[in-house]
Amino acid sequence: MPISQPPHIEFLDYKTPPAGRPMPVDTKANDLWHWQTTLVTKDIQAVADRLRKAGAEFITPDIVSIPQETQTELGFKKALMVRDPNGHAIRLIEE
């Protein structure tokens, strides 16, 4: 019988091509080359608590509550941004 694991994400560290360039400091979210991974959760507070406990680097200091009048347009009600172990931005949202 296979071992059951809880849901998880595995981040890969690509070794080739080598010598990737760092993200420019003036990068904006609407740049054509901008990349951002979004993960959806039903309980963003629980995820934030686990990430803090694990020592994750937070981009936003705390969970951001989206104003009710904007929630339908954006498709979520709460958000948080953290960095993965390689420094990439990860957006967590709660629908």
PDB file of N, CA and C in Angstrom:
ATOM      1  N   MET A   1       0.853  -1.182   0.000  1.00  0.00           N
ATOM      2  CA  MET A   1       0.000   0.000   0.000  1.00  0.00           C
ATOM      3  C   MET A   1       0.896   1.241   0.000  1.00  0.00           C
ATOM      4  N   PRO A   2       0.645   2.210  -0.903  1.00  0.00           N
ATOM      5  CA  PRO A   2       1.472   3.412  -0.962  1.00  0.00           C
ATOM      6  C   PRO A   2       1.320   4.256   0.301  1.00  0.00           C
ATOM      7  N   ILE A   3       2.392   4.931   0.659  1.00  0.00           N
ATOM      8  CA  ILE A   3       2.368   5.823   1.817  1.00  0.00           C
ATOM      9  C   ILE A   3       1.656   7.110   1.417  1.00  0.00           C
ATOM     10  N   SER A   4       0.712   7.519   2.244  1.00  0.00           N
ATOM     11  CA  SER A   4      -0.045   8.740   1.966  1.00  0.00           C
ATOM     12  C   SER A   4       0.716   9.941   2.521  1.00  0.00           C
ATOM     13  N   GLN A   5       0.869  10.981   1.703  1.00  0.00           N
ATOM     14  CA  GLN A   5       1.532  12.207   2.128  1.00  0.00           C
ATOM     15  C   GLN A   5       0.528  13.349   2.103  1.00  0.00           C
ATOM     16  N   PRO A   6       0.708  14.315   3.000  1.00  0.00           N
ATOM     17  CA  PRO A   6      -0.166  15.491   2.940  1.00  0.00           C
ATOM     18  C   PRO A   6       0.153  16.290   1.684  1.00  0.00           C
ATOM     19  N   PRO A   7      -0.761  17.138   1.250  1.00  0.00           N
ATOM     20  CA  PRO A   7      -0.469  17.979   0.078  1.00  0.00           C
ATOM     21  C   PRO A   7       0.800  18.787   0.331  1.00  0.00           C
ATOM     22  N   HIS A   8       1.615  18.906  -0.690  1.00  0.00           N
ATOM     23  CA  HIS A   8       2.855  19.663  -0.561  1.00  0.00           C
ATOM     24  C   HIS A   8       3.310  20.145  -1.929  1.00  0.00           C
ATOM     25  N   ILE A   9       4.293  21.011  -1.920  1.00  0.00           N
ATOM     26  CA  ILE A   9       4.864  21.547  -3.151  1.00  0.00           C
ATOM     27  C   ILE A   9       6.356  21.303  -3.106  1.00  0.00           C
ATOM     28  N   GLU A  10       6.904  20.874  -4.206  1.00  0.00           N
ATOM     29  CA  GLU A  10       8.343  20.683  -4.303  1.00  0.00           C
ATOM     30  C   GLU A  10       8.900  21.749  -5.245  1.00  0.00           C
ATOM     31  N   PHE A  11       9.811  22.567  -4.739  1.00  0.00           N
ATOM     32  CA  PHE A  11      10.455  23.590  -5.557  1.00  0.00           C
ATOM     33  C   PHE A  11      11.723  23.000  -6.136  1.00  0.00           C
ATOM     34  N   LEU A  12      11.899  23.157  -7.426  1.00  0.00           N
ATOM     35  CA  LEU A  12      13.068  22.629  -8.105  1.00  0.00           C
ATOM     36  C   LEU A  12      14.102  23.727  -8.297  1.00  0.00           C
ATOM     37  N   ASP A  13      15.358  23.358  -8.187  1.00  0.00           N
ATOM     38  CA  ASP A  13      16.456  24.283  -8.408  1.00  0.00           C
ATOM     39  C   ASP A  13      17.159  23.840  -9.677  1.00  0.00           C
ATOM     40  N   TYR A  14      16.896  24.527 -10.789  1.00  0.00           N
ATOM     41  CA  TYR A  14      17.473  24.139 -12.065  1.00  0.00           C
ATOM     42  C   TYR A  14      18.944  24.537 -12.125  1.00  0.00           C
ATOM     43  N   LYS A  15      19.782  23.590 -12.454  1.00  0.00           N
ATOM     44  CA  LYS A  15      21.225  23.826 -12.527  1.00  0.00           C
ATOM     45  C   LYS A  15      21.655  24.315 -13.902  1.00  0.00           C
ATOM     46  N   THR A  16      20.839  24.060 -14.923  1.00  0.00           N
ATOM     47  CA  THR A  16      21.180  24.540 -16.259  1.00  0.00           C
ATOM     48  C   THR A  16      19.960  25.245 -16.841  1.00  0.00           C
ATOM     49  N   PRO A  17      20.081  26.303 -17.545  1.00  0.00           N
ATOM     50  CA  PRO A  17      21.352  26.934 -17.860  1.00  0.00           C
ATOM     51  C   PRO A  17      21.939  27.596 -16.613  1.00  0.00           C
ATOM     52  N   PRO A  18      23.280  27.556 -16.500  1.00  0.00           N
ATOM     53  CA  PRO A  18      23.921  28.146 -15.321  1.00  0.00           C
ATOM     54  C   PRO A  18      23.955  29.665 -15.392  1.00  0.00           C
ATOM     55  N   ALA A  19      24.296  30.267 -14.289  1.00  0.00           N
ATOM     56  CA  ALA A  19      24.529  31.714 -14.215  1.00  0.00           C
ATOM     57  C   ALA A  19      23.310  32.543 -14.593  1.00  0.00           C
ATOM     58  N   GLY A  20      22.152  32.162 -14.066  1.00  0.00           N
ATOM     59  CA  GLY A  20      20.967  32.985 -14.296  1.00  0.00           C
ATOM     60  C   GLY A  20      21.174  34.381 -13.732  1.00  0.00           C
ATOM     61  N   ARG A  21      20.492  35.345 -14.308  1.00  0.00           N
ATOM     62  CA  ARG A  21      20.640  36.725 -13.863  1.00  0.00           C
ATOM     63  C   ARG A  21      19.656  37.021 -12.741  1.00  0.00           C
ATOM     64  N   PRO A  22      20.051  37.834 -11.766  1.00  0.00           N
ATOM     65  CA  PRO A  22      19.120  38.215 -10.705  1.00  0.00           C
ATOM     66  C   PRO A  22      18.032  39.134 -11.259  1.00  0.00           C
ATOM     67  N   MET A  23      16.906  39.150 -10.591  1.00  0.00           N
ATOM     68  CA  MET A  23      15.807  40.017 -11.000  1.00  0.00           C
ATOM     69  C   MET A  23      16.235  41.474 -10.797  1.00  0.00           C
ATOM     70  N   PRO A  24      16.071  42.335 -11.797  1.00  0.00           N
ATOM     71  CA  PRO A  24      16.452  43.745 -11.630  1.00  0.00           C
ATOM     72  C   PRO A  24      15.686  44.393 -10.478  1.00  0.00           C
ATOM     73  N   VAL A  25      16.343  45.288  -9.774  1.00  0.00           N
ATOM     74  CA  VAL A  25      15.723  45.915  -8.613  1.00  0.00           C
ATOM     75  C   VAL A  25      14.522  46.775  -8.985  1.00  0.00           C
ATOM     76  N   ASP A  26      14.447  47.230 -10.236  1.00  0.00           N
ATOM     77  CA  ASP A  26      13.320  48.077 -10.650  1.00  0.00           C
ATOM     78  C   ASP A  26      12.186  47.274 -11.289  1.00  0.00           C
ATOM     79  N   THR A  27      12.141  45.967 -11.071  1.00  0.00           N
ATOM     80  CA  THR A  27      11.100  45.108 -11.625  1.00  0.00           C
ATOM     81  C   THR A  27       9.724  45.516 -11.108  1.00  0.00           C
ATOM     82  N   LYS A  28       8.769  45.538 -12.004  1.00  0.00           N
ATOM     83  CA  LYS A  28       7.377  45.854 -11.659  1.00  0.00           C
ATOM     84  C   LYS A  28       6.497  44.663 -12.030  1.00  0.00           C
ATOM     85  N   ALA A  29       5.384  44.500 -11.339  1.00  0.00           N
ATOM     86  CA  ALA A  29       4.486  43.373 -11.576  1.00  0.00           C
ATOM     87  C   ALA A  29       3.902  43.372 -12.983  1.00  0.00           C
ATOM     88  N   ASN A  30       3.876  44.519 -13.656  1.00  0.00           N
ATOM     89  CA  ASN A  30       3.301  44.549 -15.004  1.00  0.00           C
ATOM     90  C   ASN A  30       4.373  44.479 -16.102  1.00  0.00           C
ATOM     91  N   ASP A  31       5.640  44.194 -15.744  1.00  0.00           N
ATOM     92  CA  ASP A  31       6.669  43.965 -16.760  1.00  0.00           C
ATOM     93  C   ASP A  31       6.309  42.709 -17.541  1.00  0.00           C
ATOM     94  N   LEU A  32       6.566  42.718 -18.836  1.00  0.00           N
ATOM     95  CA  LEU A  32       6.186  41.586 -19.677  1.00  0.00           C
ATOM     96  C   LEU A  32       6.874  40.294 -19.267  1.00  0.00           C
ATOM     97  N   TRP A  33       8.035  40.359 -18.692  1.00  0.00           N
ATOM     98  CA  TRP A  33       8.765  39.144 -18.326  1.00  0.00           C
ATOM     99  C   TRP A  33       8.547  38.745 -16.870  1.00  0.00           C
ATOM    100  N   HIS A  34       7.779  39.515 -16.132  1.00  0.00           N
ATOM    101  CA  HIS A  34       7.566  39.234 -14.707  1.00  0.00           C
ATOM    102  C   HIS A  34       6.921  37.868 -14.500  1.00  0.00           C
ATOM    103  N   TRP A  35       7.399  37.138 -13.508  1.00  0.00           N
ATOM    104  CA  TRP A  35       6.848  35.819 -13.193  1.00  0.00           C
ATOM    105  C   TRP A  35       6.473  35.778 -11.727  1.00  0.00           C
ATOM    106  N   GLN A  36       5.289  35.309 -11.438  1.00  0.00           N
ATOM    107  CA  GLN A  36       4.833  35.183 -10.059  1.00  0.00           C
ATOM    108  C   GLN A  36       3.972  33.938  -9.957  1.00  0.00           C
ATOM    109  N   THR A  37       4.284  33.100  -9.023  1.00  0.00           N
ATOM    110  CA  THR A  37       3.509  31.895  -8.798  1.00  0.00           C
ATOM    111  C   THR A  37       2.434  32.198  -7.761  1.00  0.00           C
ATOM    112  N   THR A  38       1.217  31.750  -8.021  1.00  0.00           N
ATOM    113  CA  THR A  38       0.112  31.945  -7.092  1.00  0.00           C
ATOM    114  C   THR A  38      -0.390  30.594  -6.614  1.00  0.00           C
ATOM    115  N   LEU A  39      -0.513  30.457  -5.302  1.00  0.00           N
ATOM    116  CA  LEU A  39      -1.059  29.246  -4.694  1.00  0.00           C
ATOM    117  C   LEU A  39      -2.349  29.622  -3.974  1.00  0.00           C
ATOM    118  N   VAL A  40      -3.355  28.767  -4.082  1.00  0.00           N
ATOM    119  CA  VAL A  40      -4.669  29.023  -3.489  1.00  0.00           C
ATOM    120  C   VAL A  40      -4.840  28.136  -2.265  1.00  0.00           C
ATOM    121  N   THR A  41      -5.342  28.726  -1.181  1.00  0.00           N
ATOM    122  CA  THR A  41      -5.601  27.980   0.048  1.00  0.00           C
ATOM    123  C   THR A  41      -6.967  28.362   0.601  1.00  0.00           C
ATOM    124  N   LYS A  42      -7.517  27.494   1.392  1.00  0.00           N
ATOM    125  CA  LYS A  42      -8.801  27.785   2.042  1.00  0.00           C
ATOM    126  C   LYS A  42      -8.592  28.449   3.402  1.00  0.00           C
ATOM    127  N   ASP A  43      -7.366  28.354   3.963  1.00  0.00           N
ATOM    128  CA  ASP A  43      -7.071  28.930   5.273  1.00  0.00           C
ATOM    129  C   ASP A  43      -5.691  29.586   5.238  1.00  0.00           C
ATOM    130  N   ILE A  44      -5.646  30.825   4.770  1.00  0.00           N
ATOM    131  CA  ILE A  44      -4.374  31.518   4.608  1.00  0.00           C
ATOM    132  C   ILE A  44      -3.691  31.783   5.947  1.00  0.00           C
ATOM    133  N   GLN A  45      -4.465  31.954   7.003  1.00  0.00           N
ATOM    134  CA  GLN A  45      -3.874  32.202   8.325  1.00  0.00           C
ATOM    135  C   GLN A  45      -3.073  30.982   8.786  1.00  0.00           C
ATOM    136  N   ALA A  46      -3.622  29.795   8.585  1.00  0.00           N
ATOM    137  CA  ALA A  46      -2.911  28.574   8.973  1.00  0.00           C
ATOM    138  C   ALA A  46      -1.623  28.416   8.170  1.00  0.00           C
ATOM    139  N   VAL A  47      -1.679  28.725   6.874  1.00  0.00           N
ATOM    140  CA  VAL A  47      -0.488  28.638   6.022  1.00  0.00           C
ATOM    141  C   VAL A  47       0.543  29.670   6.477  1.00  0.00           C
ATOM    142  N   ALA A  48       0.114  30.890   6.742  1.00  0.00           N
ATOM    143  CA  ALA A  48       1.030  31.939   7.197  1.00  0.00           C
ATOM    144  C   ALA A  48       1.700  31.542   8.503  1.00  0.00           C
ATOM    145  N   ASP A  49       0.943  30.969   9.419  1.00  0.00           N
ATOM    146  CA  ASP A  49       1.506  30.535  10.698  1.00  0.00           C
ATOM    147  C   ASP A  49       2.585  29.470  10.498  1.00  0.00           C
ATOM    148  N   ARG A  50       2.319  28.523   9.616  1.00  0.00           N
ATOM    149  CA  ARG A  50       3.303  27.463   9.338  1.00  0.00           C
ATOM    150  C   ARG A  50       4.552  28.032   8.675  1.00  0.00           C
ATOM    151  N   LEU A  51       4.369  28.974   7.756  1.00  0.00           N
ATOM    152  CA  LEU A  51       5.515  29.581   7.086  1.00  0.00           C
ATOM    153  C   LEU A  51       6.373  30.387   8.060  1.00  0.00           C
ATOM    154  N   ARG A  52       5.732  31.127   8.951  1.00  0.00           N
ATOM    155  CA  ARG A  52       6.490  31.889   9.960  1.00  0.00           C
ATOM    156  C   ARG A  52       7.288  30.943  10.847  1.00  0.00           C
ATOM    157  N   LYS A  53       6.648  29.893  11.271  1.00  0.00           N
ATOM    158  CA  LYS A  53       7.308  28.907  12.133  1.00  0.00           C
ATOM    159  C   LYS A  53       8.503  28.274  11.423  1.00  0.00           C
ATOM    160  N   ALA A  54       8.400  28.111  10.097  1.00  0.00           N
ATOM    161  CA  ALA A  54       9.480  27.505   9.311  1.00  0.00           C
ATOM    162  C   ALA A  54      10.567  28.518   8.946  1.00  0.00           C
ATOM    163  N   GLY A  55      10.349  29.805   9.266  1.00  0.00           N
ATOM    164  CA  GLY A  55      11.360  30.818   8.993  1.00  0.00           C
ATOM    165  C   GLY A  55      11.325  31.397   7.595  1.00  0.00           C
ATOM    166  N   ALA A  56      10.183  31.306   6.920  1.00  0.00           N
ATOM    167  CA  ALA A  56      10.063  31.856   5.562  1.00  0.00           C
ATOM    168  C   ALA A  56      10.229  33.373   5.582  1.00  0.00           C
ATOM    169  N   GLU A  57      10.729  33.906   4.468  1.00  0.00           N
ATOM    170  CA  GLU A  57      10.877  35.352   4.313  1.00  0.00           C
ATOM    171  C   GLU A  57       9.569  35.920   3.761  1.00  0.00           C
ATOM    172  N   PHE A  58       8.952  36.808   4.507  1.00  0.00           N
ATOM    173  CA  PHE A  58       7.693  37.417   4.103  1.00  0.00           C
ATOM    174  C   PHE A  58       7.955  38.706   3.346  1.00  0.00           C
ATOM    175  N   ILE A  59       7.306  38.878   2.197  1.00  0.00           N
ATOM    176  CA  ILE A  59       7.382  40.122   1.434  1.00  0.00           C
ATOM    177  C   ILE A  59       6.367  41.100   2.007  1.00  0.00           C
ATOM    178  N   THR A  60       5.133  40.612   2.223  1.00  0.00           N
ATOM    179  CA  THR A  60       4.137  41.422   2.916  1.00  0.00           C
ATOM    180  C   THR A  60       4.264  41.078   4.401  1.00  0.00           C
ATOM    181  N   PRO A  61       4.234  42.077   5.266  1.00  0.00           N
ATOM    182  CA  PRO A  61       4.437  41.787   6.684  1.00  0.00           C
ATOM    183  C   PRO A  61       3.324  40.938   7.302  1.00  0.00           C
ATOM    184  N   ASP A  62       2.140  40.991   6.722  1.00  0.00           N
ATOM    185  CA  ASP A  62       1.018  40.220   7.253  1.00  0.00           C
ATOM    186  C   ASP A  62       0.018  39.963   6.125  1.00  0.00           C
ATOM    187  N   ILE A  63      -1.015  39.229   6.438  1.00  0.00           N
ATOM    188  CA  ILE A  63      -2.072  38.930   5.460  1.00  0.00           C
ATOM    189  C   ILE A  63      -2.793  40.225   5.099  1.00  0.00           C
ATOM    190  N   VAL A  64      -3.028  40.410   3.799  1.00  0.00           N
ATOM    191  CA  VAL A  64      -3.734  41.591   3.307  1.00  0.00           C
ATOM    192  C   VAL A  64      -5.179  41.199   3.016  1.00  0.00           C
ATOM    193  N   SER A  65      -6.119  41.899   3.630  1.00  0.00           N
ATOM    194  CA  SER A  65      -7.538  41.681   3.345  1.00  0.00           C
ATOM    195  C   SER A  65      -7.944  42.585   2.191  1.00  0.00           C
ATOM    196  N   ILE A  66      -8.513  41.986   1.164  1.00  0.00           N
ATOM    197  CA  ILE A  66      -8.936  42.721  -0.023  1.00  0.00           C
ATOM    198  C   ILE A  66     -10.297  43.359   0.256  1.00  0.00           C
ATOM    199  N   PRO A  67     -10.471  44.649  -0.058  1.00  0.00           N
ATOM    200  CA  PRO A  67     -11.777  45.285   0.163  1.00  0.00           C
ATOM    201  C   PRO A  67     -12.887  44.518  -0.563  1.00  0.00           C
ATOM    202  N   GLN A  68     -14.024  44.403   0.077  1.00  0.00           N
ATOM    203  CA  GLN A  68     -15.150  43.638  -0.463  1.00  0.00           C
ATOM    204  C   GLN A  68     -15.509  44.042  -1.891  1.00  0.00           C
ATOM    205  N   GLU A  69     -15.467  45.344  -2.191  1.00  0.00           N
ATOM    206  CA  GLU A  69     -15.850  45.797  -3.533  1.00  0.00           C
ATOM    207  C   GLU A  69     -14.849  45.377  -4.613  1.00  0.00           C
ATOM    208  N   THR A  70     -13.669  44.930  -4.220  1.00  0.00           N
ATOM    209  CA  THR A  70     -12.638  44.511  -5.178  1.00  0.00           C
ATOM    210  C   THR A  70     -12.500  42.991  -5.255  1.00  0.00           C
ATOM    211  N   GLN A  71     -13.048  42.266  -4.291  1.00  0.00           N
ATOM    212  CA  GLN A  71     -12.892  40.818  -4.223  1.00  0.00           C
ATOM    213  C   GLN A  71     -13.400  40.108  -5.476  1.00  0.00           C
ATOM    214  N   THR A  72     -14.534  40.497  -5.990  1.00  0.00           N
ATOM    215  CA  THR A  72     -15.094  39.846  -7.176  1.00  0.00           C
ATOM    216  C   THR A  72     -14.186  40.057  -8.379  1.00  0.00           C
ATOM    217  N   GLU A  73     -13.689  41.258  -8.527  1.00  0.00           N
ATOM    218  CA  GLU A  73     -12.811  41.580  -9.652  1.00  0.00           C
ATOM    219  C   GLU A  73     -11.506  40.781  -9.586  1.00  0.00           C
ATOM    220  N   LEU A  74     -10.924  40.679  -8.398  1.00  0.00           N
ATOM    221  CA  LEU A  74      -9.649  39.971  -8.249  1.00  0.00           C
ATOM    222  C   LEU A  74      -9.823  38.458  -8.125  1.00  0.00           C
ATOM    223  N   GLY A  75     -10.954  38.029  -7.580  1.00  0.00           N
ATOM    224  CA  GLY A  75     -11.204  36.603  -7.439  1.00  0.00           C
ATOM    225  C   GLY A  75     -10.710  36.000  -6.138  1.00  0.00           C
ATOM    226  N   PHE A  76     -10.312  36.832  -5.198  1.00  0.00           N
ATOM    227  CA  PHE A  76      -9.898  36.324  -3.883  1.00  0.00           C
ATOM    228  C   PHE A  76     -10.136  37.395  -2.827  1.00  0.00           C
ATOM    229  N   LYS A  77     -10.128  36.971  -1.536  1.00  0.00           N
ATOM    230  CA  LYS A  77     -10.430  37.912  -0.464  1.00  0.00           C
ATOM    231  C   LYS A  77      -9.257  38.236   0.454  1.00  0.00           C
ATOM    232  N   LYS A  78      -8.226  37.382   0.451  1.00  0.00           N
ATOM    233  CA  LYS A  78      -7.039  37.638   1.266  1.00  0.00           C
ATOM    234  C   LYS A  78      -5.809  37.209   0.485  1.00  0.00           C
ATOM    235  N   ALA A  79      -4.677  37.859   0.789  1.00  0.00           N
ATOM    236  CA  ALA A  79      -3.443  37.520   0.076  1.00  0.00           C
ATOM    237  C   ALA A  79      -2.232  37.741   0.974  1.00  0.00           C
ATOM    238  N   LEU A  80      -1.152  37.110   0.559  1.00  0.00           N
ATOM    239  CA  LEU A  80       0.108  37.191   1.291  1.00  0.00           C
ATOM    240  C   LEU A  80       1.214  36.866   0.300  1.00  0.00           C
ATOM    241  N   MET A  81       2.355  37.536   0.410  1.00  0.00           N
ATOM    242  CA  MET A  81       3.481  37.214  -0.470  1.00  0.00           C
ATOM    243  C   MET A  81       4.689  36.833   0.366  1.00  0.00           C
ATOM    244  N   VAL A  82       5.326  35.735  -0.042  1.00  0.00           N
ATOM    245  CA  VAL A  82       6.532  35.242   0.613  1.00  0.00           C
ATOM    246  C   VAL A  82       7.562  34.916  -0.467  1.00  0.00           C
ATOM    247  N   ARG A  83       8.766  34.616  -0.044  1.00  0.00           N
ATOM    248  CA  ARG A  83       9.800  34.176  -0.978  1.00  0.00           C
ATOM    249  C   ARG A  83      10.081  32.695  -0.778  1.00  0.00           C
ATOM    250  N   ASP A  84      10.292  32.004  -1.889  1.00  0.00           N
ATOM    251  CA  ASP A  84      10.691  30.600  -1.795  1.00  0.00           C
ATOM    252  C   ASP A  84      12.170  30.557  -1.413  1.00  0.00           C
ATOM    253  N   PRO A  85      12.726  29.375  -1.174  1.00  0.00           N
ATOM    254  CA  PRO A  85      14.131  29.295  -0.745  1.00  0.00           C
ATOM    255  C   PRO A  85      15.128  29.923  -1.719  1.00  0.00           C
ATOM    256  N   ASN A  86      14.763  30.054  -2.992  1.00  0.00           N
ATOM    257  CA  ASN A  86      15.657  30.688  -3.968  1.00  0.00           C
ATOM    258  C   ASN A  86      15.372  32.173  -4.158  1.00  0.00           C
ATOM    259  N   GLY A  87      14.431  32.719  -3.403  1.00  0.00           N
ATOM    260  CA  GLY A  87      14.140  34.146  -3.474  1.00  0.00           C
ATOM    261  C   GLY A  87      13.024  34.544  -4.411  1.00  0.00           C
ATOM    262  N   HIS A  88      12.357  33.583  -5.057  1.00  0.00           N
ATOM    263  CA  HIS A  88      11.254  33.908  -5.964  1.00  0.00           C
ATOM    264  C   HIS A  88      10.006  34.273  -5.160  1.00  0.00           C
ATOM    265  N   ALA A  89       9.249  35.230  -5.690  1.00  0.00           N
ATOM    266  CA  ALA A  89       8.011  35.654  -5.035  1.00  0.00           C
ATOM    267  C   ALA A  89       6.920  34.603  -5.235  1.00  0.00           C
ATOM    268  N   ILE A  90       6.220  34.287  -4.160  1.00  0.00           N
ATOM    269  CA  ILE A  90       5.075  33.374  -4.184  1.00  0.00           C
ATOM    270  C   ILE A  90       3.894  34.133  -3.587  1.00  0.00           C
ATOM    271  N   ARG A  91       2.808  34.208  -4.357  1.00  0.00           N
ATOM    272  CA  ARG A  91       1.592  34.841  -3.835  1.00  0.00           C
ATOM    273  C   ARG A  91       0.658  33.748  -3.346  1.00  0.00           C
ATOM    274  N   LEU A  92       0.222  33.870  -2.110  1.00  0.00           N
ATOM    275  CA  LEU A  92      -0.763  32.954  -1.535  1.00  0.00           C
ATOM    276  C   LEU A  92      -2.080  33.719  -1.452  1.00  0.00           C
ATOM    277  N   ILE A  93      -3.149  33.088  -1.921  1.00  0.00           N
ATOM    278  CA  ILE A  93      -4.452  33.748  -1.851  1.00  0.00           C
ATOM    279  C   ILE A  93      -5.474  32.818  -1.200  1.00  0.00           C
ATOM    280  N   GLU A  94      -6.468  33.448  -0.578  1.00  0.00           N
ATOM    281  CA  GLU A  94      -7.607  32.721  -0.026  1.00  0.00           C
ATOM    282  C   GLU A  94      -8.832  33.183  -0.786  1.00  0.00           C
ATOM    283  N   GLU A  95      -9.540  32.241  -1.394  1.00  0.00           N
ATOM    284  CA  GLU A  95     -10.733  32.590  -2.173  1.00  0.00           C
ATOM    285  C   GLU A  95     -11.918  32.864  -1.285  1.00  0.00           C
TER     286      GLU A  95
END
